[in-house]
Amino acid sequence: MPDGIQLDELQVVSDLHLGGKPGFQIFASAAELAWLADSVAASKAPGLAALLVNGDFIDFLAEEPALAFDPLGAAAKIARVRADPAFAPVFDAFARLLATPRRLLMINLGNHDLELALPWAREALAQALCGADSAARARLRLITDGTGVRCRVGNAQVLCLHGNETDAWNVTDHEHLRRIARDLQYGLPAEPWTPNAGSQLVVEVMNQVKASYPFVDLLKPETQAVVPILSALNPALLRRMQDLGAIAGRTAVDLARMRTGFLGAEDDAATAATAAAAGTPAGWPGVASPAASSKALMDQAELAFRNGVEPISLVRASQTEQLGLWSAAWDWLRGQPKAEVLREALEFLDKDRSFDPAAPDDTFQQFDARIAPEIDLLLTGHTHLARSLARQRGGGRYFNSGTWARLMRITPEVRQDKTAFGKLFDLLGGARMADLDAAPGLVQRLNTVVAVWADAGGATQAELRQVRAGTTAGAWQAVPQPGTRYTKP
């Protein structure tokens, strides 16, 4: 089994989501992340030390124009994000890290930064981080083929994957990406890119929803909390989401392809012919037009039905069913005080463990079952929820590095208090991002990182940490989270 690169120290973050204009940005921790990068550069590790961004570094889906995949606009979007004052300190710190001997910056592909799989986008990012410094470029590792990052830290085998690999809503067809990059490199027409359901939902629905209700990008758990609140605030939004049956159809198709091993196969002739007939917009090779994409998705969903696959049965967390349930519920309860009905309906959130690092979740279960027990440290991100759990296969540990984006939760104290919940409901109905930030205790910036290092005694240590303000003004510190430590002697 391959070992990968040998490191003395590894710091792993994920889901930064650098992107979007002010008011639309969910990342707000530039000073903290710059401090972390500088601490890796200043590490006393005698060998190699690395900072890994384990997916969703740049959020292309938040950039304008919002497209599920934007091959020709990727370089310009990278340049805009690099120049944005909210994100520039991160790029500056990453550049300092890359200028330091024996220090590496590794960037793994996520599902919001697919454009980094394209050679010209990687070059634009390398230019933004390294300029013409060839030594710095040698310390920048871009992993964009879906294989993840494999390395050894001390005597521990470490595997880092973004986490969308088992998520039918957000799975990436890497072979399709490769073919598009190849054809555009050759100067040939490229086959259209059909987005996964998650990207299509973000671009066609959620970006518009976020403009009026920015909390939808922050609140966890997503389906169980966001869906009922949105349906109470504006039932028309939920009906619009429910009408997008093609999105669920895309999920069914992707899940079927994942389960049967056909993800990455050439699209069938009928779908290709349909896309060609609908046409690809001029100047955007490799991107299906909305008409072509929707028609292709509907054709694929119809094919799934003919083959006995029920798309609704394949949608994770029964999301489509829940949309319809809440829409119908508010119709039935029309005339009732919505805030109070909603408060009572969300009673189950009092026992929600989304923010508990020790709570097993679906992502942990799927990856633990899928990855060989010889992997001592299995790291993912994607869910935005930090985890530290003993692997059920082998004696290793699973970590989820959480997110550096803003997060929100409805605490039991707020849900159980009619007055407090009423104020929260009113705030969510019309708040800008700045209003959410200003509400005491509402928005959290957990800034979680998985630290892995070889100690002086020859053991490998790993733990979950949070980067927080230090005891002196302007200082930061990485605070270990209780109960998350793993040791491999």
Foldseek 3Di string as FASTA:
>chain_A
DDFAAEAFKEKEFEQQAQDADPLQAQFQPLLLLLVVLVCQLVDPPPAAYEYEHAENPYQQCRYPPRDQDFQVCLLVRLVVSCPDPRHVSNLVSLLVQLVHPRYAYEYEYYQRPLNCLAPVNVVSSCCSRHNPPPSSSVRYHYHRQQQFHWHHHQHATEGEHALCCLPLQRHDLSLLVVQQNVQVVVVHFHQADQGGLNSCCSNVAVSVVCSFFVQQVFEPPNLLQVLLLCCLLPVVSLVVVLVLVLSLLSSLLSNVCSVVVNRNPDDDPVLSVLQVVVHDDPPGGHHGDPVSNSVSSVVSSVVCVVVVHDSCVRHPPSRSVSSVVSNVVCVVVPPPDSLVVSLVSSLVLQPDCQQPQADDDPSLVVVLVVDAQSRQEYEYEPSLHWHWYARPRHGHIYTYQHYQGKHFYQYPVQSVDSVSSVVVSVCSSGPGPVSQVPPPPGIDRFQKMWMWRQDPVSKIKIFIWGWDADPDPSHIDTHTDPPRMDIDD
